[in-house]
Amino acid sequence: MSENLTLDDVAVPLRTLRLLASDFGHLPAPDVHVSTTYPERLELTFYDDLPGFEAWREALGIAPDAVTYREQGDGRTRVLRASVDHAGAVVHLTGFADIVAPVLAGGAA
């Protein structure tokens, strides 16, 4: 879908980002992505910041049970995902965090 798109073609997620910055400027800053492949989508990604993910999930009114959980990297990384329609764009939240292996007695892991 990215053939011959203009900046106007991704204006909806950019406007949504402007509104989010205005309304929720006090929240943790995510990594932001707008793509010509999915011109209606705004992606907000949180690396090693699940509290930031949760703050945005709550601010956007996404129910906790709408969040999906999975693990990647042979169980070393947890991944949370959720989506919501907001101001005409589909806002995708993604949160990544390391899974800390428990420390066993005697220092063995």
PDB file of N, CA and C in Angstrom:
ATOM      1  N   MET A   1       0.813  -1.196   0.000  1.00  0.00           N
ATOM      2  CA  MET A   1       0.000   0.000   0.000  1.00  0.00           C
ATOM      3  C   MET A   1       0.852   1.254   0.000  1.00  0.00           C
ATOM      4  N   SER A   2       2.166   1.146   0.085  1.00  0.00           N
ATOM      5  CA  SER A   2       3.007   2.321   0.238  1.00  0.00           C
ATOM      6  C   SER A   2       3.355   3.016  -1.079  1.00  0.00           C
ATOM      7  N   GLU A   3       2.908   2.505  -2.185  1.00  0.00           N
ATOM      8  CA  GLU A   3       3.221   3.130  -3.472  1.00  0.00           C
ATOM      9  C   GLU A   3       2.565   4.496  -3.604  1.00  0.00           C
ATOM     10  N   ASN A   4       3.372   5.495  -3.910  1.00  0.00           N
ATOM     11  CA  ASN A   4       2.907   6.840  -4.232  1.00  0.00           C
ATOM     12  C   ASN A   4       2.094   7.519  -3.131  1.00  0.00           C
ATOM     13  N   LEU A   5       2.273   7.141  -1.906  1.00  0.00           N
ATOM     14  CA  LEU A   5       1.579   7.836  -0.824  1.00  0.00           C
ATOM     15  C   LEU A   5       2.268   9.167  -0.549  1.00  0.00           C
ATOM     16  N   THR A   6       1.489  10.101  -0.089  1.00  0.00           N
ATOM     17  CA  THR A   6       2.026  11.404   0.289  1.00  0.00           C
ATOM     18  C   THR A   6       1.918  11.561   1.804  1.00  0.00           C
ATOM     19  N   LEU A   7       2.486  12.623   2.314  1.00  0.00           N
ATOM     20  CA  LEU A   7       2.365  12.889   3.748  1.00  0.00           C
ATOM     21  C   LEU A   7       0.907  13.078   4.143  1.00  0.00           C
ATOM     22  N   ASP A   8       0.099  13.622   3.237  1.00  0.00           N
ATOM     23  CA  ASP A   8      -1.336  13.749   3.509  1.00  0.00           C
ATOM     24  C   ASP A   8      -1.989  12.396   3.753  1.00  0.00           C
ATOM     25  N   ASP A   9      -1.448  11.351   3.136  1.00  0.00           N
ATOM     26  CA  ASP A   9      -2.028  10.013   3.293  1.00  0.00           C
ATOM     27  C   ASP A   9      -1.799   9.416   4.673  1.00  0.00           C
ATOM     28  N   VAL A  10      -0.863   9.952   5.420  1.00  0.00           N
ATOM     29  CA  VAL A  10      -0.639   9.486   6.789  1.00  0.00           C
ATOM     30  C   VAL A  10      -0.988  10.585   7.794  1.00  0.00           C
ATOM     31  N   ALA A  11      -1.791  11.530   7.369  1.00  0.00           N
ATOM     32  CA  ALA A  11      -2.162  12.657   8.223  1.00  0.00           C
ATOM     33  C   ALA A  11      -2.993  12.229   9.427  1.00  0.00           C
ATOM     34  N   VAL A  12      -3.828  11.214   9.293  1.00  0.00           N
ATOM     35  CA  VAL A  12      -4.689  10.806  10.418  1.00  0.00           C
ATOM     36  C   VAL A  12      -3.859  10.349  11.620  1.00  0.00           C
ATOM     37  N   PRO A  13      -2.911   9.410  11.466  1.00  0.00           N
ATOM     38  CA  PRO A  13      -2.141   9.041  12.648  1.00  0.00           C
ATOM     39  C   PRO A  13      -1.254  10.183  13.159  1.00  0.00           C
ATOM     40  N   LEU A  14      -0.804  11.057  12.265  1.00  0.00           N
ATOM     41  CA  LEU A  14      -0.008  12.199  12.716  1.00  0.00           C
ATOM     42  C   LEU A  14      -0.852  13.174  13.529  1.00  0.00           C
ATOM     43  N   ARG A  15      -2.082  13.402  13.094  1.00  0.00           N
ATOM     44  CA  ARG A  15      -2.983  14.265  13.873  1.00  0.00           C
ATOM     45  C   ARG A  15      -3.307  13.617  15.219  1.00  0.00           C
ATOM     46  N   THR A  16      -3.495  12.313  15.192  1.00  0.00           N
ATOM     47  CA  THR A  16      -3.763  11.591  16.441  1.00  0.00           C
ATOM     48  C   THR A  16      -2.579  11.737  17.390  1.00  0.00           C
ATOM     49  N   LEU A  17      -1.374  11.639  16.872  1.00  0.00           N
ATOM     50  CA  LEU A  17      -0.193  11.821  17.701  1.00  0.00           C
ATOM     51  C   LEU A  17      -0.167  13.225  18.304  1.00  0.00           C
ATOM     52  N   ARG A  18      -0.516  14.216  17.524  1.00  0.00           N
ATOM     53  CA  ARG A  18      -0.557  15.586  18.036  1.00  0.00           C
ATOM     54  C   ARG A  18      -1.577  15.706  19.173  1.00  0.00           C
ATOM     55  N   LEU A  19      -2.744  15.090  19.000  1.00  0.00           N
ATOM     56  CA  LEU A  19      -3.758  15.120  20.062  1.00  0.00           C
ATOM     57  C   LEU A  19      -3.281  14.393  21.318  1.00  0.00           C
ATOM     58  N   LEU A  20      -2.640  13.246  21.129  1.00  0.00           N
ATOM     59  CA  LEU A  20      -2.140  12.498  22.277  1.00  0.00           C
ATOM     60  C   LEU A  20      -1.078  13.293  23.028  1.00  0.00           C
ATOM     61  N   ALA A  21      -0.209  13.967  22.277  1.00  0.00           N
ATOM     62  CA  ALA A  21       0.831  14.783  22.911  1.00  0.00           C
ATOM     63  C   ALA A  21       0.207  15.922  23.708  1.00  0.00           C
ATOM     64  N   SER A  22      -0.876  16.461  23.196  1.00  0.00           N
ATOM     65  CA  SER A  22      -1.563  17.550  23.893  1.00  0.00           C
ATOM     66  C   SER A  22      -2.312  17.047  25.124  1.00  0.00           C
ATOM     67  N   ASP A  23      -3.034  15.952  24.962  1.00  0.00           N
ATOM     68  CA  ASP A  23      -3.871  15.433  26.043  1.00  0.00           C
ATOM     69  C   ASP A  23      -3.093  14.650  27.098  1.00  0.00           C
ATOM     70  N   PHE A  24      -2.044  13.966  26.673  1.00  0.00           N
ATOM     71  CA  PHE A  24      -1.329  13.057  27.577  1.00  0.00           C
ATOM     72  C   PHE A  24       0.169  13.338  27.623  1.00  0.00           C
ATOM     73  N   GLY A  25       0.534  14.587  27.475  1.00  0.00           N
ATOM     74  CA  GLY A  25       1.945  14.968  27.473  1.00  0.00           C
ATOM     75  C   GLY A  25       2.683  14.624  28.755  1.00  0.00           C
ATOM     76  N   HIS A  26       1.961  14.385  29.819  1.00  0.00           N
ATOM     77  CA  HIS A  26       2.562  14.032  31.105  1.00  0.00           C
ATOM     78  C   HIS A  26       2.931  12.553  31.202  1.00  0.00           C
ATOM     79  N   LEU A  27       2.472  11.743  30.231  1.00  0.00           N
ATOM     80  CA  LEU A  27       2.752  10.308  30.269  1.00  0.00           C
ATOM     81  C   LEU A  27       4.144  10.012  29.717  1.00  0.00           C
ATOM     82  N   PRO A  28       4.686   8.830  30.019  1.00  0.00           N
ATOM     83  CA  PRO A  28       6.011   8.465  29.515  1.00  0.00           C
ATOM     84  C   PRO A  28       6.049   8.497  27.982  1.00  0.00           C
ATOM     85  N   ALA A  29       7.164   8.964  27.451  1.00  0.00           N
ATOM     86  CA  ALA A  29       7.330   9.052  25.996  1.00  0.00           C
ATOM     87  C   ALA A  29       7.586   7.660  25.411  1.00  0.00           C
ATOM     88  N   PRO A  30       6.780   7.255  24.421  1.00  0.00           N
ATOM     89  CA  PRO A  30       7.011   5.978  23.753  1.00  0.00           C
ATOM     90  C   PRO A  30       7.893   6.164  22.528  1.00  0.00           C
ATOM     91  N   ASP A  31       8.331   5.065  21.962  1.00  0.00           N
ATOM     92  CA  ASP A  31       8.903   5.057  20.625  1.00  0.00           C
ATOM     93  C   ASP A  31       7.699   5.163  19.686  1.00  0.00           C
ATOM     94  N   VAL A  32       7.707   6.085  18.741  1.00  0.00           N
ATOM     95  CA  VAL A  32       6.552   6.354  17.886  1.00  0.00           C
ATOM     96  C   VAL A  32       6.865   5.923  16.462  1.00  0.00           C
ATOM     97  N   HIS A  33       5.887   5.260  15.834  1.00  0.00           N
ATOM     98  CA  HIS A  33       6.078   4.806  14.462  1.00  0.00           C
ATOM     99  C   HIS A  33       4.803   5.038  13.651  1.00  0.00           C
ATOM    100  N   VAL A  34       4.977   5.677  12.503  1.00  0.00           N
ATOM    101  CA  VAL A  34       3.914   5.838  11.503  1.00  0.00           C
ATOM    102  C   VAL A  34       4.476   5.249  10.221  1.00  0.00           C
ATOM    103  N   SER A  35       3.685   4.444   9.534  1.00  0.00           N
ATOM    104  CA  SER A  35       4.170   3.721   8.369  1.00  0.00           C
ATOM    105  C   SER A  35       3.275   3.925   7.156  1.00  0.00           C
ATOM    106  N   THR A  36       3.885   3.998   6.002  1.00  0.00           N
ATOM    107  CA  THR A  36       3.096   4.048   4.770  1.00  0.00           C
ATOM    108  C   THR A  36       2.504   2.680   4.440  1.00  0.00           C
ATOM    109  N   THR A  37       3.005   1.630   5.074  1.00  0.00           N
ATOM    110  CA  THR A  37       2.425   0.302   4.859  1.00  0.00           C
ATOM    111  C   THR A  37       1.044   0.212   5.488  1.00  0.00           C
ATOM    112  N   TYR A  38       0.882   0.830   6.651  1.00  0.00           N
ATOM    113  CA  TYR A  38      -0.402   0.879   7.358  1.00  0.00           C
ATOM    114  C   TYR A  38      -0.705   2.347   7.662  1.00  0.00           C
ATOM    115  N   PRO A  39      -1.173   3.105   6.684  1.00  0.00           N
ATOM    116  CA  PRO A  39      -1.304   4.563   6.849  1.00  0.00           C
ATOM    117  C   PRO A  39      -2.351   5.017   7.857  1.00  0.00           C
ATOM    118  N   GLU A  40      -3.167   4.116   8.375  1.00  0.00           N
ATOM    119  CA  GLU A  40      -4.171   4.486   9.374  1.00  0.00           C
ATOM    120  C   GLU A  40      -3.706   4.172  10.791  1.00  0.00           C
ATOM    121  N   ARG A  41      -2.477   3.671  10.936  1.00  0.00           N
ATOM    122  CA  ARG A  41      -1.993   3.145  12.210  1.00  0.00           C
ATOM    123  C   ARG A  41      -0.950   4.070  12.845  1.00  0.00           C
ATOM    124  N   LEU A  42      -1.055   4.191  14.173  1.00  0.00           N
ATOM    125  CA  LEU A  42      -0.047   4.860  14.982  1.00  0.00           C
ATOM    126  C   LEU A  42       0.451   3.842  15.996  1.00  0.00           C
ATOM    127  N   GLU A  43       1.743   3.587  15.997  1.00  0.00           N
ATOM    128  CA  GLU A  43       2.306   2.594  16.909  1.00  0.00           C
ATOM    129  C   GLU A  43       3.088   3.286  18.014  1.00  0.00           C
ATOM    130  N   LEU A  44       2.779   2.921  19.244  1.00  0.00           N
ATOM    131  CA  LEU A  44       3.481   3.422  20.422  1.00  0.00           C
ATOM    132  C   LEU A  44       4.122   2.222  21.105  1.00  0.00           C
ATOM    133  N   THR A  45       5.438   2.220  21.188  1.00  0.00           N
ATOM    134  CA  THR A  45       6.172   1.066  21.713  1.00  0.00           C
ATOM    135  C   THR A  45       6.980   1.478  22.932  1.00  0.00           C
ATOM    136  N   PHE A  46       6.986   0.591  23.923  1.00  0.00           N
ATOM    137  CA  PHE A  46       7.679   0.820  25.179  1.00  0.00           C
ATOM    138  C   PHE A  46       8.679  -0.314  25.383  1.00  0.00           C
ATOM    139  N   TYR A  47       9.957   0.058  25.464  1.00  0.00           N
ATOM    140  CA  TYR A  47      11.021  -0.912  25.688  1.00  0.00           C
ATOM    141  C   TYR A  47      11.445  -0.824  27.148  1.00  0.00           C
ATOM    142  N   ASP A  48      11.382  -1.949  27.846  1.00  0.00           N
ATOM    143  CA  ASP A  48      11.741  -2.003  29.268  1.00  0.00           C
ATOM    144  C   ASP A  48      10.954  -0.990  30.091  1.00  0.00           C
ATOM    145  N   ASP A  49       9.693  -0.793  29.734  1.00  0.00           N
ATOM    146  CA  ASP A  49       8.859   0.176  30.458  1.00  0.00           C
ATOM    147  C   ASP A  49       7.405  -0.294  30.471  1.00  0.00           C
ATOM    148  N   LEU A  50       7.146  -1.393  31.138  1.00  0.00           N
ATOM    149  CA  LEU A  50       5.760  -1.852  31.232  1.00  0.00           C
ATOM    150  C   LEU A  50       4.887  -0.896  32.041  1.00  0.00           C
ATOM    151  N   PRO A  51       5.409  -0.195  33.042  1.00  0.00           N
ATOM    152  CA  PRO A  51       4.572   0.827  33.684  1.00  0.00           C
ATOM    153  C   PRO A  51       4.146   1.922  32.693  1.00  0.00           C
ATOM    154  N   GLY A  52       5.013   2.286  31.762  1.00  0.00           N
ATOM    155  CA  GLY A  52       4.650   3.254  30.730  1.00  0.00           C
ATOM    156  C   GLY A  52       3.555   2.711  29.830  1.00  0.00           C
ATOM    157  N   PHE A  53       3.681   1.450  29.434  1.00  0.00           N
ATOM    158  CA  PHE A  53       2.647   0.785  28.640  1.00  0.00           C
ATOM    159  C   PHE A  53       1.318   0.839  29.382  1.00  0.00           C
ATOM    160  N   GLU A  54       1.340   0.499  30.678  1.00  0.00           N
ATOM    161  CA  GLU A  54       0.110   0.477  31.472  1.00  0.00           C
ATOM    162  C   GLU A  54      -0.498   1.865  31.623  1.00  0.00           C
ATOM    163  N   ALA A  55       0.327   2.871  31.784  1.00  0.00           N
ATOM    164  CA  ALA A  55      -0.193   4.236  31.900  1.00  0.00           C
ATOM    165  C   ALA A  55      -0.928   4.637  30.622  1.00  0.00           C
ATOM    166  N   TRP A  56      -0.361   4.312  29.473  1.00  0.00           N
ATOM    167  CA  TRP A  56      -1.009   4.638  28.197  1.00  0.00           C
ATOM    168  C   TRP A  56      -2.253   3.785  27.974  1.00  0.00           C
ATOM    169  N   ARG A  57      -2.193   2.506  28.358  1.00  0.00           N
ATOM    170  CA  ARG A  57      -3.364   1.635  28.206  1.00  0.00           C
ATOM    171  C   ARG A  57      -4.534   2.221  28.982  1.00  0.00           C
ATOM    172  N   GLU A  58      -4.255   2.625  30.209  1.00  0.00           N
ATOM    173  CA  GLU A  58      -5.311   3.187  31.043  1.00  0.00           C
ATOM    174  C   GLU A  58      -5.815   4.518  30.471  1.00  0.00           C
ATOM    175  N   ALA A  59      -4.903   5.383  30.047  1.00  0.00           N
ATOM    176  CA  ALA A  59      -5.291   6.694  29.503  1.00  0.00           C
ATOM    177  C   ALA A  59      -6.150   6.557  28.253  1.00  0.00           C
ATOM    178  N   LEU A  60      -5.872   5.540  27.447  1.00  0.00           N
ATOM    179  CA  LEU A  60      -6.638   5.323  26.209  1.00  0.00           C
ATOM    180  C   LEU A  60      -7.905   4.500  26.429  1.00  0.00           C
ATOM    181  N   GLY A  61      -8.157   4.093  27.665  1.00  0.00           N
ATOM    182  CA  GLY A  61      -9.377   3.366  27.984  1.00  0.00           C
ATOM    183  C   GLY A  61      -9.409   1.942  27.477  1.00  0.00           C
ATOM    184  N   ILE A  62      -8.250   1.321  27.362  1.00  0.00           N
ATOM    185  CA  ILE A  62      -8.178  -0.073  26.917  1.00  0.00           C
ATOM    186  C   ILE A  62      -8.323  -0.965  28.149  1.00  0.00           C
ATOM    187  N   ALA A  63      -9.285  -1.866  28.108  1.00  0.00           N
ATOM    188  CA  ALA A  63      -9.527  -2.775  29.234  1.00  0.00           C
ATOM    189  C   ALA A  63      -8.334  -3.715  29.427  1.00  0.00           C
ATOM    190  N   PRO A  64      -8.007  -4.045  30.670  1.00  0.00           N
ATOM    191  CA  PRO A  64      -6.902  -4.975  30.920  1.00  0.00           C
ATOM    192  C   PRO A  64      -7.058  -6.308  30.194  1.00  0.00           C
ATOM    193  N   ASP A  65      -8.286  -6.792  30.079  1.00  0.00           N
ATOM    194  CA  ASP A  65      -8.478  -8.089  29.410  1.00  0.00           C
ATOM    195  C   ASP A  65      -8.365  -7.994  27.889  1.00  0.00           C
ATOM    196  N   ALA A  66      -8.183  -6.799  27.350  1.00  0.00           N
ATOM    197  CA  ALA A  66      -7.960  -6.629  25.910  1.00  0.00           C
ATOM    198  C   ALA A  66      -6.473  -6.679  25.559  1.00  0.00           C
ATOM    199  N   VAL A  67      -5.624  -6.796  26.576  1.00  0.00           N
ATOM    200  CA  VAL A  67      -4.179  -6.867  26.358  1.00  0.00           C
ATOM    201  C   VAL A  67      -3.784  -8.318  26.122  1.00  0.00           C
ATOM    202  N   THR A  68      -2.988  -8.548  25.074  1.00  0.00           N
ATOM    203  CA  THR A  68      -2.470  -9.894  24.832  1.00  0.00           C
ATOM    204  C   THR A  68      -1.058  -9.992  25.397  1.00  0.00           C
ATOM    205  N   TYR A  69      -0.725 -11.185  25.844  1.00  0.00           N
ATOM    206  CA  TYR A  69       0.585 -11.453  26.430  1.00  0.00           C
ATOM    207  C   TYR A  69       1.204 -12.609  25.688  1.00  0.00           C
ATOM    208  N   ARG A  70       2.492 -12.453  25.398  1.00  0.00           N
ATOM    209  CA  ARG A  70       3.253 -13.579  24.859  1.00  0.00           C
ATOM    210  C   ARG A  70       4.696 -13.409  25.266  1.00  0.00           C
ATOM    211  N   GLU A  71       5.484 -14.441  24.997  1.00  0.00           N
ATOM    212  CA  GLU A  71       6.905 -14.390  25.292  1.00  0.00           C
ATOM    213  C   GLU A  71       7.670 -14.677  24.016  1.00  0.00           C
ATOM    214  N   GLN A  72       8.853 -14.091  23.927  1.00  0.00           N
ATOM    215  CA  GLN A  72       9.714 -14.327  22.775  1.00  0.00           C
ATOM    216  C   GLN A  72      11.144 -14.459  23.271  1.00  0.00           C
ATOM    217  N   GLY A  73      12.042 -14.797  22.358  1.00  0.00           N
ATOM    218  CA  GLY A  73      13.446 -14.941  22.744  1.00  0.00           C
ATOM    219  C   GLY A  73      13.665 -16.074  23.713  1.00  0.00           C
ATOM    220  N   ASP A  74      13.055 -17.227  23.420  1.00  0.00           N
ATOM    221  CA  ASP A  74      13.170 -18.397  24.293  1.00  0.00           C
ATOM    222  C   ASP A  74      12.751 -18.094  25.728  1.00  0.00           C
ATOM    223  N   GLY A  75      11.680 -17.298  25.857  1.00  0.00           N
ATOM    224  CA  GLY A  75      11.137 -17.004  27.168  1.00  0.00           C
ATOM    225  C   GLY A  75      11.894 -15.944  27.938  1.00  0.00           C
ATOM    226  N   ARG A  76      12.753 -15.162  27.260  1.00  0.00           N
ATOM    227  CA  ARG A  76      13.529 -14.125  27.952  1.00  0.00           C
ATOM    228  C   ARG A  76      12.868 -12.752  27.894  1.00  0.00           C
ATOM    229  N   THR A  77      11.883 -12.588  26.990  1.00  0.00           N
ATOM    230  CA  THR A  77      11.238 -11.279  26.831  1.00  0.00           C
ATOM    231  C   THR A  77       9.735 -11.455  26.846  1.00  0.00           C
ATOM    232  N   ARG A  78       9.055 -10.641  27.651  1.00  0.00           N
ATOM    233  CA  ARG A  78       7.590 -10.630  27.634  1.00  0.00           C
ATOM    234  C   ARG A  78       7.141  -9.519  26.697  1.00  0.00           C
ATOM    235  N   VAL A  79       6.008  -9.737  26.048  1.00  0.00           N
ATOM    236  CA  VAL A  79       5.469  -8.774  25.087  1.00  0.00           C
ATOM    237  C   VAL A  79       3.985  -8.567  25.387  1.00  0.00           C
ATOM    238  N   LEU A  80       3.607  -7.320  25.636  1.00  0.00           N
ATOM    239  CA  LEU A  80       2.208  -6.949  25.825  1.00  0.00           C
ATOM    240  C   LEU A  80       1.762  -6.160  24.606  1.00  0.00           C
ATOM    241  N   ARG A  81       0.548  -6.423  24.122  1.00  0.00           N
ATOM    242  CA  ARG A  81       0.005  -5.698  22.969  1.00  0.00           C
ATOM    243  C   ARG A  81      -1.458  -5.371  23.210  1.00  0.00           C
ATOM    244  N   ALA A  82      -1.841  -4.195  22.705  1.00  0.00           N
ATOM    245  CA  ALA A  82      -3.241  -3.781  22.760  1.00  0.00           C
ATOM    246  C   ALA A  82      -3.467  -2.742  21.681  1.00  0.00           C
ATOM    247  N   SER A  83      -4.703  -2.634  21.221  1.00  0.00           N
ATOM    248  CA  SER A  83      -5.057  -1.671  20.178  1.00  0.00           C
ATOM    249  C   SER A  83      -6.370  -1.000  20.526  1.00  0.00           C
ATOM    250  N   VAL A  84      -6.517   0.235  20.008  1.00  0.00           N
ATOM    251  CA  VAL A  84      -7.755   0.982  20.211  1.00  0.00           C
ATOM    252  C   VAL A  84      -7.906   1.967  19.055  1.00  0.00           C
ATOM    253  N   ASP A  85      -9.126   2.214  18.658  1.00  0.00           N
ATOM    254  CA  ASP A  85      -9.402   3.297  17.717  1.00  0.00           C
ATOM    255  C   ASP A  85      -9.446   4.588  18.513  1.00  0.00           C
ATOM    256  N   HIS A  86      -8.667   5.573  18.072  1.00  0.00           N
ATOM    257  CA  HIS A  86      -8.616   6.843  18.795  1.00  0.00           C
ATOM    258  C   HIS A  86      -8.431   7.975  17.792  1.00  0.00           C
ATOM    259  N   ALA A  87      -9.359   8.908  17.780  1.00  0.00           N
ATOM    260  CA  ALA A  87      -9.287  10.100  16.923  1.00  0.00           C
ATOM    261  C   ALA A  87      -9.097   9.746  15.449  1.00  0.00           C
ATOM    262  N   GLY A  88      -9.686   8.634  15.030  1.00  0.00           N
ATOM    263  CA  GLY A  88      -9.646   8.249  13.623  1.00  0.00           C
ATOM    264  C   GLY A  88      -8.513   7.321  13.239  1.00  0.00           C
ATOM    265  N   ALA A  89      -7.572   7.100  14.142  1.00  0.00           N
ATOM    266  CA  ALA A  89      -6.453   6.196  13.856  1.00  0.00           C
ATOM    267  C   ALA A  89      -6.569   4.947  14.722  1.00  0.00           C
ATOM    268  N   VAL A  90      -5.920   3.899  14.274  1.00  0.00           N
ATOM    269  CA  VAL A  90      -5.789   2.698  15.089  1.00  0.00           C
ATOM    270  C   VAL A  90      -4.477   2.851  15.848  1.00  0.00           C
ATOM    271  N   VAL A  91      -4.568   2.941  17.161  1.00  0.00           N
ATOM    272  CA  VAL A  91      -3.382   3.095  17.994  1.00  0.00           C
ATOM    273  C   VAL A  91      -3.008   1.725  18.537  1.00  0.00           C
ATOM    274  N   HIS A  92      -1.781   1.299  18.217  1.00  0.00           N
ATOM    275  CA  HIS A  92      -1.260   0.025  18.700  1.00  0.00           C
ATOM    276  C   HIS A  92      -0.238   0.299  19.788  1.00  0.00           C
ATOM    277  N   LEU A  93      -0.448  -0.287  20.953  1.00  0.00           N
ATOM    278  CA  LEU A  93       0.523  -0.216  22.048  1.00  0.00           C
ATOM    279  C   LEU A  93       1.263  -1.538  22.112  1.00  0.00           C
ATOM    280  N   THR A  94       2.570  -1.473  22.267  1.00  0.00           N
ATOM    281  CA  THR A  94       3.382  -2.666  22.464  1.00  0.00           C
ATOM    282  C   THR A  94       4.369  -2.378  23.580  1.00  0.00           C
ATOM    283  N   GLY A  95       4.479  -3.309  24.510  1.00  0.00           N
ATOM    284  CA  GLY A  95       5.438  -3.184  25.597  1.00  0.00           C
ATOM    285  C   GLY A  95       6.327  -4.406  25.662  1.00  0.00           C
ATOM    286  N   PHE A  96       7.621  -4.179  25.791  1.00  0.00           N
ATOM    287  CA  PHE A  96       8.602  -5.251  25.911  1.00  0.00           C
ATOM    288  C   PHE A  96       9.300  -5.127  27.259  1.00  0.00           C
ATOM    289  N   ALA A  97       9.589  -6.245  27.883  1.00  0.00           N
ATOM    290  CA  ALA A  97      10.357  -6.247  29.129  1.00  0.00           C
ATOM    291  C   ALA A  97      11.052  -7.593  29.278  1.00  0.00           C
ATOM    292  N   ASP A  98      12.242  -7.543  29.859  1.00  0.00           N
ATOM    293  CA  ASP A  98      12.973  -8.775  30.133  1.00  0.00           C
ATOM    294  C   ASP A  98      12.244  -9.581  31.191  1.00  0.00           C
ATOM    295  N   ILE A  99      12.318 -10.874  31.065  1.00  0.00           N
ATOM    296  CA  ILE A  99      11.841 -11.777  32.108  1.00  0.00           C
ATOM    297  C   ILE A  99      13.067 -12.160  32.925  1.00  0.00           C
ATOM    298  N   VAL A 100      13.064 -11.764  34.158  1.00  0.00           N
ATOM    299  CA  VAL A 100      14.204 -12.012  35.028  1.00  0.00           C
ATOM    300  C   VAL A 100      14.098 -13.425  35.579  1.00  0.00           C
ATOM    301  N   ALA A 101      15.153 -14.193  35.378  1.00  0.00           N
ATOM    302  CA  ALA A 101      15.168 -15.551  35.901  1.00  0.00           C
ATOM    303  C   ALA A 101      15.282 -15.499  37.419  1.00  0.00           C
ATOM    304  N   PRO A 102      14.539 -16.347  38.099  1.00  0.00           N
ATOM    305  CA  PRO A 102      14.623 -16.352  39.572  1.00  0.00           C
ATOM    306  C   PRO A 102      16.016 -16.759  40.028  1.00  0.00           C
ATOM    307  N   VAL A 103      16.469 -16.161  41.105  1.00  0.00           N
ATOM    308  CA  VAL A 103      17.757 -16.531  41.697  1.00  0.00           C
ATOM    309  C   VAL A 103      17.490 -17.660  42.673  1.00  0.00           C
ATOM    310  N   LEU A 104      18.185 -18.755  42.452  1.00  0.00           N
ATOM    311  CA  LEU A 104      18.012 -19.933  43.317  1.00  0.00           C
ATOM    312  C   LEU A 104      18.971 -19.882  44.492  1.00  0.00           C
ATOM    313  N   ALA A 105      18.617 -20.572  45.537  1.00  0.00           N
ATOM    314  CA  ALA A 105      19.472 -20.643  46.711  1.00  0.00           C
ATOM    315  C   ALA A 105      20.846 -21.187  46.319  1.00  0.00           C
ATOM    316  N   GLY A 106      21.880 -20.614  46.845  1.00  0.00           N
ATOM    317  CA  GLY A 106      23.231 -21.051  46.528  1.00  0.00           C
ATOM    318  C   GLY A 106      23.802 -20.346  45.311  1.00  0.00           C
ATOM    319  N   GLY A 107      23.019 -19.418  44.708  1.00  0.00           N
ATOM    320  CA  GLY A 107      23.531 -18.622  43.595  1.00  0.00           C
ATOM    321  C   GLY A 107      23.403 -19.280  42.236  1.00  0.00           C
ATOM    322  N   ALA A 108      22.907 -20.519  42.163  1.00  0.00           N
ATOM    323  CA  ALA A 108      22.731 -21.175  40.861  1.00  0.00           C
ATOM    324  C   ALA A 108      21.533 -20.588  40.163  1.00  0.00           C
ATOM    325  N   ALA A 109      21.613 -20.487  38.852  1.00  0.00           N
ATOM    326  CA  ALA A 109      20.480 -19.954  38.100  1.00  0.00           C
ATOM    327  C   ALA A 109      19.905 -20.987  37.177  1.00  0.00           C
TER     328      ALA A 109
END
